[in-house]
Amino acid sequence: MAFTLEIGEKAPEFELPATNGNTYRLSDFTEDVLVVFFTCNHCPFVVGSEELTRRTAERFQERGVRFVAINSNSAKTHPDDSFEHMVERMDEKRFPWLYLHDETQDVAMRYGALRTPHFFVFDQERKLVYTGRGVDSPREAEKVTTYDLDQALDELLANQPITTPLTNPIGCNVKWEGKDAHWMPEEACDLV
C-alpha cells in the first residue's frame, strides 16, 4: 500500500481544532471541491508561495472550491509550528482558509503528507483527483512557470480529465514527532 493517498481514494475523516477556536470535521465542508493542504508556519517553500496559494484560493472560492490548511508539524522539532504561532500567523496574514492543527499527526499519516506544502484536491464525492505541488518553484515565486494546482482545479471544474493528477510536492518534509528534522517514513516515496 502506498504511503500517500492514491488517485480515486476517499478523503480520510478528521476532527481538528482551528485557529479560530472551532473544531472541524471533513463532513463540515460541503463545497463541490475541497482542497486540503498540509502546511506550516516556517518552511521557506510555504512562505515563498503562500501569496500564490492565497491568489488561487480566492480565485476559485466563487466557483465552489474550499481550501483547508492543516499543520501537522511537531512543535518540539520546530517550535515556530506551535498552535500559538499558528494563531498569530493567521491573525497577521488573514489567509482565506481555515488553519487546522493536527497535533497527533494522525491526519498527516492517513493522508500521506510528504512535504509542506502538499496539496490534495477532492471532488464532490470526496475522491482524490489531484495531489502534489501547487507550483513548480514554491520557494521563489518569481521563478514559477507551472501552476499545477490551478490547472487541476480549472480542469476539474470544466468536467475535463486532470491532465497531470500526480506531481511531487516540493518543500520541507513534515516534521515528525520524536524524529530527526529530515526523517520521512520508510514507505514514503516520490509520487511520480
N, C-alpha and C. Protein backbone atom coordinates (compact mmCIF):
# COMPACT_ATOMS: atom_id res chain seq x y z
N MET A 1 0.84 -1.19 0.00
CA MET A 1 0.00 0.00 0.00
C MET A 1 0.88 1.25 0.00
N ALA A 2 0.53 2.21 -0.83
CA ALA A 2 1.29 3.45 -0.92
C ALA A 2 1.12 4.27 0.35
N PHE A 3 2.12 5.05 0.69
CA PHE A 3 2.05 5.93 1.86
C PHE A 3 1.05 7.05 1.62
N THR A 4 1.14 7.70 0.46
CA THR A 4 0.26 8.82 0.13
C THR A 4 -1.02 8.31 -0.52
N LEU A 5 -2.15 8.94 -0.19
CA LEU A 5 -3.42 8.59 -0.82
C LEU A 5 -3.25 8.50 -2.33
N GLU A 6 -3.92 7.54 -2.92
CA GLU A 6 -3.84 7.37 -4.36
C GLU A 6 -5.06 7.98 -5.04
N ILE A 7 -4.89 8.37 -6.29
CA ILE A 7 -5.98 8.97 -7.06
C ILE A 7 -7.20 8.04 -7.01
N GLY A 8 -8.37 8.63 -6.73
CA GLY A 8 -9.61 7.86 -6.63
C GLY A 8 -9.98 7.46 -5.22
N GLU A 9 -9.02 7.53 -4.28
CA GLU A 9 -9.33 7.18 -2.89
C GLU A 9 -10.13 8.30 -2.22
N LYS A 10 -10.92 7.91 -1.23
CA LYS A 10 -11.76 8.86 -0.50
C LYS A 10 -10.93 9.62 0.53
N ALA A 11 -11.33 10.85 0.78
CA ALA A 11 -10.67 11.68 1.79
C ALA A 11 -10.86 11.06 3.17
N PRO A 12 -9.79 10.83 3.91
CA PRO A 12 -9.93 10.33 5.28
C PRO A 12 -10.60 11.36 6.18
N GLU A 13 -11.40 10.87 7.10
CA GLU A 13 -12.07 11.74 8.07
C GLU A 13 -11.04 12.42 8.97
N PHE A 14 -11.44 13.53 9.53
CA PHE A 14 -10.63 14.18 10.56
C PHE A 14 -11.54 15.01 11.44
N GLU A 15 -11.06 15.32 12.61
CA GLU A 15 -11.71 16.26 13.53
C GLU A 15 -10.59 17.01 14.22
N LEU A 16 -10.42 18.28 13.82
CA LEU A 16 -9.25 19.03 14.25
C LEU A 16 -9.63 20.44 14.70
N PRO A 17 -8.89 20.97 15.68
CA PRO A 17 -9.13 22.35 16.11
C PRO A 17 -8.52 23.34 15.12
N ALA A 18 -9.19 24.48 14.98
CA ALA A 18 -8.72 25.54 14.08
C ALA A 18 -8.27 26.75 14.89
N THR A 19 -7.52 27.60 14.23
CA THR A 19 -7.02 28.81 14.89
C THR A 19 -8.14 29.77 15.28
N ASN A 20 -9.33 29.60 14.71
CA ASN A 20 -10.46 30.48 15.05
C ASN A 20 -11.21 30.02 16.29
N GLY A 21 -10.74 28.95 16.94
CA GLY A 21 -11.35 28.47 18.18
C GLY A 21 -12.38 27.37 17.99
N ASN A 22 -12.75 27.06 16.75
CA ASN A 22 -13.71 26.00 16.47
C ASN A 22 -13.00 24.71 16.09
N THR A 23 -13.76 23.61 16.12
CA THR A 23 -13.25 22.32 15.68
C THR A 23 -14.01 21.91 14.43
N TYR A 24 -13.31 21.34 13.46
CA TYR A 24 -13.92 20.99 12.17
C TYR A 24 -13.68 19.53 11.82
N ARG A 25 -14.69 18.97 11.17
CA ARG A 25 -14.62 17.62 10.63
C ARG A 25 -14.70 17.71 9.11
N LEU A 26 -14.26 16.67 8.46
CA LEU A 26 -14.33 16.63 7.00
C LEU A 26 -15.76 16.90 6.52
N SER A 27 -16.73 16.32 7.21
CA SER A 27 -18.14 16.45 6.80
C SER A 27 -18.68 17.87 6.93
N ASP A 28 -17.95 18.76 7.61
CA ASP A 28 -18.39 20.15 7.72
C ASP A 28 -18.25 20.92 6.42
N PHE A 29 -17.47 20.37 5.49
CA PHE A 29 -17.19 21.07 4.24
C PHE A 29 -18.06 20.49 3.14
N THR A 30 -18.99 21.29 2.67
CA THR A 30 -20.00 20.81 1.72
C THR A 30 -19.80 21.36 0.30
N GLU A 31 -18.75 22.14 0.11
CA GLU A 31 -18.48 22.70 -1.20
C GLU A 31 -18.25 21.58 -2.21
N ASP A 32 -18.42 21.91 -3.50
CA ASP A 32 -18.25 20.91 -4.56
C ASP A 32 -16.83 20.35 -4.62
N VAL A 33 -15.85 21.20 -4.36
CA VAL A 33 -14.45 20.79 -4.42
C VAL A 33 -13.78 21.19 -3.12
N LEU A 34 -12.97 20.28 -2.58
CA LEU A 34 -12.24 20.55 -1.34
C LEU A 34 -10.75 20.37 -1.59
N VAL A 35 -9.99 21.40 -1.24
CA VAL A 35 -8.53 21.33 -1.30
C VAL A 35 -8.02 21.29 0.14
N VAL A 36 -7.45 20.16 0.52
CA VAL A 36 -6.81 20.01 1.82
C VAL A 36 -5.32 20.11 1.56
N PHE A 37 -4.66 21.01 2.27
CA PHE A 37 -3.21 21.08 2.07
C PHE A 37 -2.47 21.15 3.41
N PHE A 38 -1.35 20.44 3.42
CA PHE A 38 -0.51 20.37 4.60
C PHE A 38 0.55 21.45 4.49
N THR A 39 0.65 22.25 5.54
CA THR A 39 1.49 23.43 5.52
C THR A 39 2.06 23.65 6.92
N CYS A 40 2.70 24.77 7.13
CA CYS A 40 3.25 25.08 8.46
C CYS A 40 3.53 26.58 8.50
N ASN A 41 4.20 27.02 9.55
CA ASN A 41 4.46 28.44 9.72
C ASN A 41 5.82 28.88 9.19
N HIS A 42 6.80 27.98 9.18
CA HIS A 42 8.18 28.41 8.98
C HIS A 42 8.83 28.03 7.66
N CYS A 43 8.35 27.01 6.99
CA CYS A 43 9.03 26.45 5.83
C CYS A 43 9.22 27.51 4.74
N PRO A 44 10.43 27.68 4.21
CA PRO A 44 10.64 28.70 3.18
C PRO A 44 9.86 28.43 1.89
N PHE A 45 9.50 27.17 1.64
CA PHE A 45 8.71 26.84 0.45
C PHE A 45 7.25 27.26 0.65
N VAL A 46 6.77 27.15 1.89
CA VAL A 46 5.42 27.62 2.22
C VAL A 46 5.39 29.15 2.17
N VAL A 47 6.34 29.77 2.87
CA VAL A 47 6.39 31.23 2.94
C VAL A 47 6.58 31.84 1.55
N GLY A 48 7.41 31.19 0.73
CA GLY A 48 7.68 31.70 -0.61
C GLY A 48 6.49 31.64 -1.55
N SER A 49 5.56 30.73 -1.28
CA SER A 49 4.42 30.55 -2.21
C SER A 49 3.07 30.87 -1.59
N GLU A 50 3.03 31.32 -0.34
CA GLU A 50 1.74 31.50 0.32
C GLU A 50 0.86 32.54 -0.35
N GLU A 51 1.44 33.56 -0.96
CA GLU A 51 0.60 34.55 -1.63
C GLU A 51 0.06 33.99 -2.95
N LEU A 52 0.80 33.09 -3.60
CA LEU A 52 0.27 32.40 -4.78
C LEU A 52 -0.89 31.49 -4.37
N THR A 53 -0.72 30.80 -3.23
CA THR A 53 -1.79 29.94 -2.73
C THR A 53 -3.02 30.78 -2.38
N ARG A 54 -2.78 31.93 -1.75
CA ARG A 54 -3.89 32.84 -1.44
C ARG A 54 -4.63 33.22 -2.73
N ARG A 55 -3.89 33.60 -3.75
CA ARG A 55 -4.50 34.01 -5.01
C ARG A 55 -5.33 32.88 -5.62
N THR A 56 -4.81 31.66 -5.56
CA THR A 56 -5.55 30.51 -6.08
C THR A 56 -6.82 30.29 -5.27
N ALA A 57 -6.70 30.31 -3.95
CA ALA A 57 -7.88 30.11 -3.09
C ALA A 57 -8.94 31.16 -3.35
N GLU A 58 -8.54 32.41 -3.47
CA GLU A 58 -9.51 33.48 -3.73
C GLU A 58 -10.11 33.36 -5.12
N ARG A 59 -9.31 32.98 -6.08
CA ARG A 59 -9.79 32.85 -7.46
C ARG A 59 -10.87 31.78 -7.59
N PHE A 60 -10.70 30.67 -6.87
CA PHE A 60 -11.61 29.54 -7.02
C PHE A 60 -12.74 29.51 -5.99
N GLN A 61 -12.68 30.38 -5.00
CA GLN A 61 -13.69 30.39 -3.95
C GLN A 61 -15.10 30.57 -4.50
N GLU A 62 -15.25 31.50 -5.44
CA GLU A 62 -16.57 31.78 -6.01
C GLU A 62 -17.06 30.65 -6.91
N ARG A 63 -16.18 29.71 -7.23
CA ARG A 63 -16.54 28.59 -8.10
C ARG A 63 -16.80 27.31 -7.30
N GLY A 64 -16.99 27.44 -6.00
CA GLY A 64 -17.35 26.30 -5.18
C GLY A 64 -16.19 25.48 -4.68
N VAL A 65 -15.02 26.10 -4.55
CA VAL A 65 -13.84 25.39 -4.05
C VAL A 65 -13.49 25.91 -2.67
N ARG A 66 -13.29 25.00 -1.74
CA ARG A 66 -12.92 25.35 -0.36
C ARG A 66 -11.50 24.89 -0.07
N PHE A 67 -10.70 25.76 0.49
CA PHE A 67 -9.33 25.44 0.91
C PHE A 67 -9.28 25.26 2.42
N VAL A 68 -8.61 24.19 2.87
CA VAL A 68 -8.43 23.92 4.30
C VAL A 68 -6.96 23.57 4.51
N ALA A 69 -6.29 24.33 5.35
CA ALA A 69 -4.87 24.10 5.64
C ALA A 69 -4.74 23.30 6.94
N ILE A 70 -3.78 22.38 6.96
CA ILE A 70 -3.51 21.58 8.15
C ILE A 70 -2.02 21.65 8.47
N ASN A 71 -1.70 21.99 9.71
CA ASN A 71 -0.31 21.97 10.18
C ASN A 71 -0.15 20.73 11.07
N SER A 72 0.67 19.79 10.60
CA SER A 72 0.93 18.56 11.35
C SER A 72 2.33 18.52 11.92
N ASN A 73 3.10 19.57 11.75
CA ASN A 73 4.48 19.56 12.22
C ASN A 73 4.57 19.50 13.74
N SER A 74 5.57 18.77 14.21
CA SER A 74 5.84 18.71 15.64
C SER A 74 6.43 20.03 16.11
N ALA A 75 5.81 20.63 17.11
CA ALA A 75 6.34 21.87 17.67
C ALA A 75 7.62 21.60 18.46
N LYS A 76 7.83 20.35 18.87
CA LYS A 76 9.09 20.01 19.56
C LYS A 76 10.25 20.03 18.57
N THR A 77 9.98 19.64 17.33
CA THR A 77 11.02 19.66 16.29
C THR A 77 11.24 21.08 15.80
N HIS A 78 10.15 21.81 15.63
CA HIS A 78 10.25 23.20 15.15
C HIS A 78 9.25 24.06 15.94
N PRO A 79 9.71 24.73 17.01
CA PRO A 79 8.81 25.49 17.89
C PRO A 79 7.94 26.52 17.18
N ASP A 80 8.39 27.06 16.05
CA ASP A 80 7.57 28.04 15.32
C ASP A 80 6.27 27.46 14.80
N ASP A 81 6.15 26.13 14.81
CA ASP A 81 4.94 25.49 14.31
C ASP A 81 3.93 25.16 15.41
N SER A 82 4.08 25.74 16.57
CA SER A 82 3.13 25.52 17.67
C SER A 82 1.77 26.12 17.32
N PHE A 83 0.75 25.65 18.01
CA PHE A 83 -0.61 26.16 17.78
C PHE A 83 -0.67 27.66 18.05
N GLU A 84 0.02 28.10 19.09
CA GLU A 84 0.02 29.53 19.42
C GLU A 84 0.58 30.36 18.26
N HIS A 85 1.65 29.86 17.64
CA HIS A 85 2.22 30.57 16.49
C HIS A 85 1.30 30.49 15.27
N MET A 86 0.55 29.41 15.16
CA MET A 86 -0.44 29.31 14.08
C MET A 86 -1.48 30.41 14.21
N VAL A 87 -1.97 30.61 15.43
CA VAL A 87 -2.98 31.65 15.69
C VAL A 87 -2.41 33.02 15.34
N GLU A 88 -1.17 33.28 15.78
CA GLU A 88 -0.53 34.56 15.48
C GLU A 88 -0.39 34.77 13.97
N ARG A 89 -0.01 33.70 13.27
CA ARG A 89 0.20 33.80 11.82
C ARG A 89 -1.11 34.12 11.09
N MET A 90 -2.19 33.47 11.51
CA MET A 90 -3.48 33.75 10.88
C MET A 90 -3.96 35.17 11.20
N ASP A 91 -3.72 35.62 12.43
CA ASP A 91 -4.09 36.99 12.80
C ASP A 91 -3.34 38.00 11.94
N GLU A 92 -2.07 37.69 11.67
CA GLU A 92 -1.24 38.60 10.88
C GLU A 92 -1.57 38.54 9.39
N LYS A 93 -1.71 37.32 8.85
CA LYS A 93 -1.81 37.14 7.40
C LYS A 93 -3.25 37.13 6.87
N ARG A 94 -4.21 36.79 7.71
CA ARG A 94 -5.62 36.76 7.28
C ARG A 94 -5.82 35.93 6.01
N PHE A 95 -5.30 34.71 6.03
CA PHE A 95 -5.44 33.84 4.87
C PHE A 95 -6.91 33.46 4.66
N PRO A 96 -7.32 33.21 3.40
CA PRO A 96 -8.72 32.88 3.11
C PRO A 96 -9.04 31.39 3.26
N TRP A 97 -8.45 30.75 4.25
CA TRP A 97 -8.72 29.34 4.52
C TRP A 97 -8.71 29.13 6.02
N LEU A 98 -9.29 28.02 6.43
CA LEU A 98 -9.19 27.62 7.83
C LEU A 98 -7.82 27.00 8.04
N TYR A 99 -7.28 27.16 9.24
CA TYR A 99 -5.96 26.64 9.57
C TYR A 99 -6.14 25.68 10.74
N LEU A 100 -6.03 24.39 10.46
CA LEU A 100 -6.28 23.35 11.45
C LEU A 100 -4.98 22.78 12.00
N HIS A 101 -5.05 22.29 13.23
CA HIS A 101 -3.87 21.74 13.91
C HIS A 101 -4.01 20.24 14.12
N ASP A 102 -3.06 19.50 13.58
CA ASP A 102 -3.02 18.04 13.68
C ASP A 102 -1.90 17.65 14.64
N GLU A 103 -2.13 17.91 15.93
CA GLU A 103 -1.07 17.71 16.93
C GLU A 103 -0.59 16.26 17.00
N THR A 104 -1.50 15.30 16.86
CA THR A 104 -1.12 13.88 16.96
C THR A 104 -0.44 13.37 15.69
N GLN A 105 -0.55 14.10 14.61
CA GLN A 105 -0.01 13.75 13.29
C GLN A 105 -0.75 12.57 12.64
N ASP A 106 -1.86 12.15 13.22
CA ASP A 106 -2.64 11.04 12.66
C ASP A 106 -3.20 11.40 11.28
N VAL A 107 -3.65 12.64 11.11
CA VAL A 107 -4.24 13.03 9.84
C VAL A 107 -3.16 13.06 8.75
N ALA A 108 -1.99 13.59 9.09
CA ALA A 108 -0.88 13.60 8.11
C ALA A 108 -0.54 12.18 7.68
N MET A 109 -0.56 11.25 8.62
CA MET A 109 -0.27 9.84 8.28
C MET A 109 -1.37 9.26 7.39
N ARG A 110 -2.64 9.54 7.71
CA ARG A 110 -3.74 8.98 6.92
C ARG A 110 -3.77 9.53 5.49
N TYR A 111 -3.40 10.79 5.33
CA TYR A 111 -3.37 11.38 4.00
C TYR A 111 -2.05 11.06 3.28
N GLY A 112 -1.03 10.78 4.07
CA GLY A 112 0.28 10.54 3.47
C GLY A 112 0.97 11.82 3.07
N ALA A 113 0.88 12.82 3.93
CA ALA A 113 1.53 14.10 3.65
C ALA A 113 3.04 13.91 3.63
N LEU A 114 3.67 14.36 2.57
CA LEU A 114 5.10 14.21 2.41
C LEU A 114 5.88 15.47 2.77
N ARG A 115 5.37 16.61 2.33
CA ARG A 115 6.12 17.86 2.48
C ARG A 115 5.16 19.02 2.78
N THR A 116 5.75 20.16 3.07
CA THR A 116 4.97 21.39 3.20
C THR A 116 5.47 22.37 2.15
N PRO A 117 4.57 22.79 1.26
CA PRO A 117 3.16 22.41 1.18
C PRO A 117 2.94 21.14 0.34
N HIS A 118 1.86 20.43 0.66
CA HIS A 118 1.43 19.25 -0.10
C HIS A 118 -0.09 19.36 -0.25
N PHE A 119 -0.56 19.43 -1.50
CA PHE A 119 -1.97 19.68 -1.81
C PHE A 119 -2.69 18.38 -2.18
N PHE A 120 -3.95 18.27 -1.73
CA PHE A 120 -4.84 17.16 -2.05
C PHE A 120 -6.16 17.76 -2.52
N VAL A 121 -6.57 17.47 -3.75
CA VAL A 121 -7.82 18.01 -4.30
C VAL A 121 -8.84 16.88 -4.39
N PHE A 122 -10.01 17.12 -3.78
CA PHE A 122 -11.09 16.14 -3.76
C PHE A 122 -12.31 16.67 -4.49
N ASP A 123 -12.96 15.79 -5.25
CA ASP A 123 -14.17 16.19 -5.97
C ASP A 123 -15.38 16.17 -5.04
N GLN A 124 -16.57 16.35 -5.60
CA GLN A 124 -17.79 16.43 -4.79
C GLN A 124 -18.05 15.16 -3.99
N GLU A 125 -17.62 14.01 -4.51
CA GLU A 125 -17.76 12.74 -3.79
C GLU A 125 -16.61 12.51 -2.82
N ARG A 126 -15.73 13.50 -2.71
CA ARG A 126 -14.55 13.46 -1.85
C ARG A 126 -13.57 12.37 -2.26
N LYS A 127 -13.48 12.15 -3.58
CA LYS A 127 -12.46 11.27 -4.13
C LYS A 127 -11.29 12.13 -4.60
N LEU A 128 -10.09 11.62 -4.36
CA LEU A 128 -8.88 12.36 -4.71
C LEU A 128 -8.70 12.42 -6.23
N VAL A 129 -8.55 13.64 -6.75
CA VAL A 129 -8.36 13.82 -8.20
C VAL A 129 -6.99 14.42 -8.53
N TYR A 130 -6.36 15.05 -7.55
CA TYR A 130 -5.03 15.61 -7.75
C TYR A 130 -4.29 15.63 -6.43
N THR A 131 -2.98 15.33 -6.46
CA THR A 131 -2.14 15.52 -5.28
C THR A 131 -0.73 15.87 -5.72
N GLY A 132 -0.10 16.73 -4.93
CA GLY A 132 1.28 17.13 -5.21
C GLY A 132 1.52 18.59 -4.90
N ARG A 133 2.27 19.22 -5.79
CA ARG A 133 2.70 20.61 -5.58
C ARG A 133 1.64 21.61 -6.05
N GLY A 134 1.78 22.82 -5.56
CA GLY A 134 0.94 23.91 -6.05
C GLY A 134 1.54 24.51 -7.30
N VAL A 135 2.85 24.79 -7.22
CA VAL A 135 3.59 25.39 -8.32
C VAL A 135 4.96 24.73 -8.42
N ASP A 136 5.68 25.02 -9.49
CA ASP A 136 6.96 24.36 -9.71
C ASP A 136 8.15 25.03 -9.03
N SER A 137 7.95 26.21 -8.43
CA SER A 137 9.04 26.91 -7.74
C SER A 137 8.49 27.60 -6.49
N PRO A 138 8.04 26.82 -5.49
CA PRO A 138 7.38 27.45 -4.36
C PRO A 138 8.27 28.32 -3.48
N ARG A 139 9.56 28.07 -3.50
CA ARG A 139 10.45 28.88 -2.66
C ARG A 139 10.69 30.26 -3.26
N GLU A 140 10.67 30.33 -4.60
CA GLU A 140 10.94 31.59 -5.30
C GLU A 140 9.80 31.86 -6.29
N ALA A 141 8.78 32.53 -5.81
CA ALA A 141 7.56 32.74 -6.59
C ALA A 141 7.83 33.41 -7.93
N GLU A 142 8.86 34.26 -7.98
CA GLU A 142 9.15 34.96 -9.24
C GLU A 142 9.66 34.01 -10.33
N LYS A 143 10.03 32.79 -9.97
CA LYS A 143 10.53 31.81 -10.95
C LYS A 143 9.49 30.77 -11.36
N VAL A 144 8.27 30.91 -10.88
CA VAL A 144 7.22 29.94 -11.19
C VAL A 144 6.87 29.98 -12.68
N THR A 145 6.81 28.79 -13.29
CA THR A 145 6.39 28.69 -14.69
C THR A 145 5.19 27.75 -14.84
N THR A 146 4.96 26.88 -13.84
CA THR A 146 3.88 25.91 -13.92
C THR A 146 2.99 26.02 -12.68
N TYR A 147 1.70 26.20 -12.91
CA TYR A 147 0.72 26.32 -11.82
C TYR A 147 -0.12 25.04 -11.80
N ASP A 148 0.46 23.97 -11.25
CA ASP A 148 -0.18 22.65 -11.30
C ASP A 148 -1.53 22.62 -10.60
N LEU A 149 -1.62 23.22 -9.43
CA LEU A 149 -2.88 23.21 -8.68
C LEU A 149 -3.96 23.96 -9.44
N ASP A 150 -3.66 25.14 -9.94
CA ASP A 150 -4.64 25.91 -10.72
C ASP A 150 -5.12 25.12 -11.93
N GLN A 151 -4.19 24.48 -12.63
CA GLN A 151 -4.56 23.71 -13.81
C GLN A 151 -5.50 22.57 -13.44
N ALA A 152 -5.19 21.85 -12.36
CA ALA A 152 -6.04 20.74 -11.94
C ALA A 152 -7.44 21.24 -11.57
N LEU A 153 -7.53 22.37 -10.87
CA LEU A 153 -8.83 22.91 -10.48
C LEU A 153 -9.62 23.39 -11.69
N ASP A 154 -8.95 24.07 -12.61
CA ASP A 154 -9.62 24.51 -13.84
C ASP A 154 -10.20 23.33 -14.60
N GLU A 155 -9.40 22.27 -14.75
CA GLU A 155 -9.85 21.09 -15.48
C GLU A 155 -11.00 20.39 -14.76
N LEU A 156 -10.89 20.24 -13.45
CA LEU A 156 -11.96 19.60 -12.67
C LEU A 156 -13.27 20.36 -12.81
N LEU A 157 -13.21 21.68 -12.69
CA LEU A 157 -14.42 22.49 -12.75
C LEU A 157 -15.01 22.55 -14.16
N ALA A 158 -14.19 22.25 -15.17
CA ALA A 158 -14.68 22.19 -16.55
C ALA A 158 -15.11 20.77 -16.94
N ASN A 159 -15.16 19.88 -15.94
CA ASN A 159 -15.51 18.47 -16.17
C ASN A 159 -14.60 17.80 -17.18
N GLN A 160 -13.34 18.18 -17.15
CA GLN A 160 -12.34 17.56 -18.01
C GLN A 160 -11.45 16.64 -17.18
N PRO A 161 -10.83 15.65 -17.81
CA PRO A 161 -9.88 14.83 -17.07
C PRO A 161 -8.69 15.68 -16.60
N ILE A 162 -8.14 15.34 -15.46
CA ILE A 162 -6.98 16.07 -14.95
C ILE A 162 -5.76 15.60 -15.76
N THR A 163 -5.15 16.53 -16.47
CA THR A 163 -4.01 16.20 -17.34
C THR A 163 -2.86 15.58 -16.54
N THR A 164 -2.53 16.19 -15.41
CA THR A 164 -1.43 15.70 -14.56
C THR A 164 -1.95 15.54 -13.14
N PRO A 165 -2.51 14.37 -12.80
CA PRO A 165 -3.11 14.20 -11.48
C PRO A 165 -2.10 14.02 -10.34
N LEU A 166 -0.85 13.69 -10.69
CA LEU A 166 0.19 13.49 -9.69
C LEU A 166 1.41 14.32 -10.00
N THR A 167 1.88 15.06 -9.03
CA THR A 167 3.17 15.73 -9.10
C THR A 167 3.85 15.52 -7.76
N ASN A 168 5.14 15.63 -7.73
CA ASN A 168 5.85 15.53 -6.45
C ASN A 168 5.76 16.86 -5.72
N PRO A 169 5.31 16.84 -4.46
CA PRO A 169 5.30 18.08 -3.70
C PRO A 169 6.74 18.57 -3.50
N ILE A 170 6.91 19.87 -3.51
CA ILE A 170 8.22 20.49 -3.33
C ILE A 170 8.17 21.29 -2.04
N GLY A 171 9.04 20.97 -1.10
CA GLY A 171 9.06 21.71 0.15
C GLY A 171 9.82 20.98 1.22
N CYS A 172 9.68 21.46 2.44
CA CYS A 172 10.29 20.82 3.60
C CYS A 172 9.47 19.57 3.95
N ASN A 173 10.14 18.56 4.46
CA ASN A 173 9.37 17.38 4.87
C ASN A 173 8.58 17.69 6.14
N VAL A 174 7.51 16.96 6.35
CA VAL A 174 6.73 17.09 7.58
C VAL A 174 7.66 16.78 8.75
N LYS A 175 7.58 17.57 9.80
CA LYS A 175 8.42 17.38 10.99
C LYS A 175 7.72 16.40 11.94
N TRP A 176 8.16 15.15 11.90
CA TRP A 176 7.51 14.09 12.67
C TRP A 176 7.99 14.08 14.12
N GLU A 177 7.07 13.89 15.03
CA GLU A 177 7.35 13.87 16.47
C GLU A 177 8.41 12.83 16.81
N GLY A 178 9.43 13.26 17.56
CA GLY A 178 10.45 12.34 18.05
C GLY A 178 11.44 11.87 17.00
N LYS A 179 11.40 12.45 15.82
CA LYS A 179 12.29 12.04 14.73
C LYS A 179 13.21 13.19 14.34
N ASP A 180 14.29 12.84 13.67
CA ASP A 180 15.18 13.85 13.12
C ASP A 180 14.37 14.77 12.20
N ALA A 181 14.78 16.02 12.12
CA ALA A 181 14.02 17.01 11.35
C ALA A 181 13.87 16.64 9.87
N HIS A 182 14.75 15.78 9.36
CA HIS A 182 14.68 15.41 7.94
C HIS A 182 14.16 13.99 7.72
N TRP A 183 13.67 13.35 8.77
CA TRP A 183 13.19 11.97 8.68
C TRP A 183 11.87 11.89 7.92
N MET A 184 11.73 10.83 7.13
CA MET A 184 10.45 10.54 6.48
C MET A 184 10.15 9.06 6.70
N PRO A 185 8.87 8.68 6.78
CA PRO A 185 8.52 7.27 6.95
C PRO A 185 9.14 6.43 5.82
N GLU A 186 9.55 5.23 6.16
CA GLU A 186 10.24 4.36 5.20
C GLU A 186 9.42 4.14 3.93
N GLU A 187 8.10 4.01 4.09
CA GLU A 187 7.25 3.74 2.92
C GLU A 187 6.92 4.98 2.10
N ALA A 188 7.33 6.15 2.58
CA ALA A 188 7.10 7.40 1.84
C ALA A 188 8.06 7.48 0.66
N CYS A 189 7.54 7.87 -0.48
CA CYS A 189 8.39 7.98 -1.66
C CYS A 189 7.82 9.03 -2.61
N ASP A 190 8.58 9.35 -3.65
CA ASP A 190 8.07 10.28 -4.65
C ASP A 190 6.79 9.71 -5.26
N LEU A 191 5.90 10.60 -5.69
CA LEU A 191 4.62 10.18 -6.26
C LEU A 191 4.76 9.81 -7.72
N VAL A 192 5.70 10.45 -8.42
CA VAL A 192 5.94 10.15 -9.84
C VAL A 192 7.41 9.95 -10.08
